[in-house]
Amino acid sequence: MKAVRWVLGIGGDLFVTAGLLLLLFVGWQLWWTDVTANRVQDNTVSTLTRDFAAGPKGGSGPAATETPSKVPFGRAFAIVRIPRFGADYARPILEGTSRDILMDGVGHYTGTATPGAVGNFAVAGHRTTYGRPFHDIDTLRPGDKVVVETKTAFHVYVVKRHVIVDPTDVDVIAPVPEQPGKQPTQRWLTMTACHPKYSAAQRYVVFAELDRSYPRAKGLPAGTLASPKGR
């Protein structure tokens, strides 16, 4: 009987230890990754802001609102601002959607349109962990603004609708969202994130259409980044 009690005691201790380690891992995933990722992303936004303020190389001209078509994989090239998420919300957009890139900000699906261009500028972001840039994506409403800031321009998109799809439904990032093979004539922004929260079973997808692009030299009209009220 002593041997049985000893075995049960050791087994109990192991289960308790395993439980504590699991709790620590969950805490690291849900809290510490946010702390470190937010620090990295804030620094990237600050760096981009200083770079953008220096102005585009070659001065102003016909390309004053254009974005370079080729951005090196993993490089940050834009800032997304979403008034619905708060006045201080600003996250970097990097080229690519690999796991390590999404740890550092919002990722741009390589091969989709550039900001402000005809087609579909499609991006992905974490909804939980690693700064969770799209944590509140489900709170976006038709009419909400999403501003994509580049070195040359501010591109203001307006939310139109959302869908919830399976991870395999890649048609949402087609040049014309959900209509693969169709020639695009409009300028779309598609934002994707895992759904529901704390799960990767589905994808929450928000579609927004370009309202207007403003050259950086002119700046944004007053009130563009004001938090929406009454909706």
Protein backbone atom coordinates (compact mmCIF):
# COMPACT_ATOMS: atom_id res chain seq x y z
CA MET A 1 0.00 0.00 0.00
CA LYS A 2 2.88 2.36 0.75
CA ALA A 3 4.23 1.77 -2.73
CA VAL A 4 0.84 2.54 -4.25
CA ARG A 5 0.52 5.77 -2.22
CA TRP A 6 4.06 6.75 -3.24
CA VAL A 7 3.30 6.17 -6.91
CA LEU A 8 0.03 8.11 -6.65
CA GLY A 9 1.80 10.94 -4.84
CA ILE A 10 4.51 11.19 -7.50
CA GLY A 11 1.88 11.04 -10.24
CA GLY A 12 -0.10 13.82 -8.56
CA ASP A 13 2.99 16.00 -8.29
CA LEU A 14 3.75 15.47 -11.96
CA PHE A 15 0.21 16.42 -12.96
CA VAL A 16 0.38 19.58 -10.83
CA THR A 17 3.73 20.51 -12.32
CA ALA A 18 2.44 19.88 -15.83
CA GLY A 19 -0.60 22.04 -15.10
CA LEU A 20 1.57 24.90 -13.85
CA LEU A 21 3.78 24.68 -16.92
CA LEU A 22 0.70 24.74 -19.15
CA LEU A 23 -0.62 27.83 -17.36
CA LEU A 24 2.73 29.54 -17.77
CA PHE A 25 2.75 28.70 -21.48
CA VAL A 26 -0.77 30.05 -21.93
CA GLY A 27 0.21 33.20 -20.04
CA TRP A 28 3.22 33.62 -22.28
CA GLN A 29 1.12 33.15 -25.40
CA LEU A 30 -1.72 35.45 -24.37
CA TRP A 31 0.19 38.17 -22.51
CA TRP A 32 3.93 38.22 -22.99
CA THR A 33 3.81 37.86 -26.78
CA ASP A 34 1.54 40.92 -26.84
CA VAL A 35 4.00 42.90 -24.72
CA THR A 36 7.00 42.11 -26.91
CA ALA A 37 5.12 42.36 -30.22
CA ASN A 38 3.55 45.71 -29.31
CA ARG A 39 7.01 47.07 -28.52
CA VAL A 40 8.37 45.89 -31.87
CA GLN A 41 5.37 47.16 -33.82
CA ASP A 42 5.38 50.55 -32.10
CA ASN A 43 9.06 50.96 -32.94
CA THR A 44 8.39 50.02 -36.56
CA VAL A 45 5.56 52.55 -36.82
CA SER A 46 7.85 55.24 -35.36
CA THR A 47 10.58 54.38 -37.86
CA LEU A 48 8.14 54.44 -40.79
CA THR A 49 6.68 57.75 -39.63
CA ARG A 50 10.14 59.35 -39.60
CA ASP A 51 10.93 57.83 -42.99
CA PHE A 52 7.65 59.01 -44.50
CA ALA A 53 8.17 62.51 -43.12
CA ALA A 54 11.42 62.74 -45.07
CA GLY A 55 9.36 62.60 -48.26
CA PRO A 56 9.58 60.40 -51.37
CA LYS A 57 12.85 60.24 -53.24
CA GLY A 58 12.80 62.32 -56.37
CA GLY A 59 10.29 64.85 -55.01
CA SER A 60 6.67 65.29 -56.03
CA GLY A 61 5.30 64.61 -59.47
CA PRO A 62 2.98 62.25 -61.36
CA ALA A 63 3.84 59.41 -58.95
CA ALA A 64 2.91 61.39 -55.85
CA THR A 65 0.32 58.82 -54.75
CA GLU A 66 1.94 55.69 -56.12
CA THR A 67 3.39 52.83 -54.09
CA PRO A 68 6.41 50.86 -55.36
CA SER A 69 5.20 47.63 -56.95
CA LYS A 70 8.07 45.61 -55.50
CA VAL A 71 8.65 45.52 -51.76
CA PRO A 72 11.26 43.11 -50.34
CA PHE A 73 9.76 40.17 -48.46
CA GLY A 74 9.49 40.96 -44.76
CA ARG A 75 9.98 44.72 -45.08
CA ALA A 76 7.54 47.19 -43.52
CA PHE A 77 6.22 49.66 -46.10
CA ALA A 78 2.93 51.09 -44.80
CA ILE A 79 0.93 51.95 -41.68
CA VAL A 80 -2.72 51.04 -41.18
CA ARG A 81 -4.87 53.31 -39.01
CA ILE A 82 -8.42 52.32 -38.03
CA PRO A 83 -10.41 54.96 -36.11
CA ARG A 84 -12.89 52.34 -34.86
CA PHE A 85 -10.02 50.73 -32.94
CA GLY A 86 -9.04 53.98 -31.21
CA ALA A 87 -7.37 57.30 -31.93
CA ASP A 88 -3.91 55.90 -31.23
CA TYR A 89 -4.29 52.72 -33.28
CA ALA A 90 -1.47 52.37 -35.81
CA ARG A 91 0.11 49.12 -37.00
CA PRO A 92 2.86 48.44 -39.54
CA ILE A 93 2.15 46.52 -42.73
CA LEU A 94 4.92 44.20 -43.89
CA GLU A 95 5.37 42.32 -47.15
CA GLY A 96 4.37 38.65 -46.76
CA THR A 97 2.14 36.62 -44.47
CA SER A 98 4.52 34.02 -43.02
CA ARG A 99 4.38 33.23 -39.32
CA ASP A 100 7.41 35.32 -38.40
CA ILE A 101 6.11 38.33 -40.35
CA LEU A 102 2.70 38.22 -38.65
CA MET A 103 4.51 38.32 -35.31
CA ASP A 104 5.77 41.80 -36.24
CA GLY A 105 2.61 43.38 -37.61
CA VAL A 106 0.00 43.10 -40.34
CA GLY A 107 1.07 41.08 -43.39
CA HIS A 108 0.40 41.88 -47.04
CA TYR A 109 -0.53 38.91 -49.22
CA THR A 110 2.25 38.85 -51.79
CA GLY A 111 0.88 39.11 -55.31
CA THR A 112 -2.20 41.14 -54.38
CA ALA A 113 -2.54 44.82 -55.25
CA THR A 114 -0.54 47.61 -53.65
CA PRO A 115 -2.26 50.30 -51.52
CA GLY A 116 -4.61 52.45 -53.57
CA ALA A 117 -4.17 50.42 -56.77
CA VAL A 118 -6.89 48.81 -58.88
CA GLY A 119 -7.49 45.29 -57.60
CA ASN A 120 -7.43 43.88 -54.09
CA PHE A 121 -4.92 45.04 -51.48
CA ALA A 122 -5.24 42.05 -49.13
CA VAL A 123 -3.74 41.82 -45.64
CA ALA A 124 -3.80 39.45 -42.67
CA GLY A 125 -3.34 40.00 -38.95
CA HIS A 126 -3.46 38.11 -35.68
CA ARG A 127 -6.65 38.31 -33.67
CA THR A 128 -5.00 36.97 -30.52
CA THR A 129 -1.33 36.96 -29.44
CA TYR A 130 1.59 38.84 -30.98
CA GLY A 131 0.02 42.26 -30.58
CA ARG A 132 -3.33 41.05 -31.96
CA PRO A 133 -3.68 43.91 -34.50
CA PHE A 134 -7.05 42.63 -35.74
CA HIS A 135 -8.43 41.61 -32.34
CA ASP A 136 -11.56 43.75 -32.82
CA ILE A 137 -12.07 43.17 -36.53
CA ASP A 138 -15.61 41.98 -35.83
CA THR A 139 -16.55 45.45 -34.51
CA LEU A 140 -16.02 47.13 -37.89
CA ARG A 141 -19.21 48.43 -39.45
CA PRO A 142 -20.17 49.54 -42.99
CA GLY A 143 -19.02 53.12 -43.42
CA ASP A 144 -16.03 52.82 -41.07
CA LYS A 145 -12.78 54.20 -42.44
CA VAL A 146 -9.49 52.34 -42.78
CA VAL A 147 -6.50 54.52 -43.65
CA VAL A 148 -3.42 52.99 -45.25
CA GLU A 149 -0.49 55.38 -45.05
CA THR A 150 2.53 55.05 -47.35
CA LYS A 151 5.58 57.20 -48.07
CA THR A 152 3.69 59.05 -50.79
CA ALA A 153 0.01 59.06 -49.84
CA PHE A 154 -2.89 58.38 -47.50
CA HIS A 155 -5.35 55.88 -48.96
CA VAL A 156 -8.78 56.07 -47.30
CA TYR A 157 -10.93 52.96 -47.63
CA VAL A 158 -14.54 52.60 -46.47
CA VAL A 159 -15.81 49.31 -45.02
CA LYS A 160 -18.55 47.70 -47.10
CA ARG A 161 -19.25 44.26 -45.64
CA HIS A 162 -17.82 41.15 -44.01
CA VAL A 163 -17.97 37.38 -44.44
CA ILE A 164 -16.89 34.37 -42.39
CA VAL A 165 -15.22 31.65 -44.45
CA ASP A 166 -13.14 28.50 -44.18
CA PRO A 167 -9.33 28.88 -44.28
CA THR A 168 -9.34 27.22 -47.72
CA ASP A 169 -11.62 29.88 -49.24
CA VAL A 170 -8.85 31.93 -50.82
CA ASP A 171 -11.21 33.60 -53.30
CA VAL A 172 -11.62 36.44 -50.80
CA ILE A 173 -8.21 37.78 -51.80
CA ALA A 174 -8.82 37.49 -55.57
CA PRO A 175 -8.42 40.76 -57.56
CA VAL A 176 -12.21 41.02 -57.38
CA PRO A 177 -13.05 39.57 -53.95
CA GLU A 178 -14.94 36.25 -54.17
CA GLN A 179 -15.01 36.45 -57.98
CA PRO A 180 -11.85 34.71 -59.20
CA GLY A 181 -10.93 35.32 -62.82
CA LYS A 182 -12.90 38.56 -63.12
CA GLN A 183 -11.01 41.63 -64.31
CA PRO A 184 -10.86 44.24 -61.53
CA THR A 185 -11.99 47.82 -62.05
CA GLN A 186 -12.38 48.86 -58.42
CA ARG A 187 -9.83 49.38 -55.64
CA TRP A 188 -10.41 47.01 -52.72
CA LEU A 189 -8.89 46.40 -49.32
CA THR A 190 -9.46 42.97 -47.78
CA MET A 191 -8.60 42.31 -44.13
CA THR A 192 -8.47 38.73 -42.82
CA ALA A 193 -8.10 37.26 -39.32
CA CYS A 194 -8.77 33.98 -37.55
CA HIS A 195 -12.30 33.33 -36.29
CA PRO A 196 -13.56 32.91 -33.67
CA LYS A 197 -11.13 34.40 -31.18
CA TYR A 198 -8.63 31.87 -29.80
CA SER A 199 -9.33 29.55 -32.73
CA ALA A 200 -8.17 29.13 -36.32
CA ALA A 201 -11.21 27.17 -37.48
CA GLN A 202 -12.47 29.93 -39.80
CA ARG A 203 -11.53 33.35 -41.13
CA TYR A 204 -13.26 36.67 -40.46
CA VAL A 205 -12.97 38.81 -43.58
CA VAL A 206 -13.74 42.50 -44.00
CA PHE A 207 -14.01 44.15 -47.42
CA ALA A 208 -13.45 47.89 -47.85
CA GLU A 209 -13.41 50.00 -51.01
CA LEU A 210 -11.12 52.95 -51.73
CA ASP A 211 -12.89 56.25 -51.21
CA ARG A 212 -10.00 58.56 -52.04
CA SER A 213 -6.21 58.87 -52.01
CA TYR A 214 -4.52 62.01 -50.73
CA PRO A 215 -0.93 62.95 -51.61
CA ARG A 216 1.16 63.14 -48.44
CA ALA A 217 1.99 66.78 -49.13
CA LYS A 218 -1.71 67.68 -48.78
CA GLY A 219 -2.32 65.54 -45.70
CA LEU A 220 -5.61 64.09 -44.53
CA PRO A 221 -8.79 66.18 -44.23
CA ALA A 222 -9.68 67.10 -40.66
CA GLY A 223 -11.77 64.47 -38.93
CA THR A 224 -10.72 61.55 -41.14
CA LEU A 225 -9.22 59.71 -38.17
CA ALA A 226 -11.98 60.64 -35.71
CA SER A 227 -13.52 57.69 -33.89
CA PRO A 228 -16.98 56.82 -35.30
CA LYS A 229 -19.91 57.55 -33.01
CA GLY A 230 -23.48 56.36 -32.79
CA ARG A 231 -22.90 53.04 -34.58
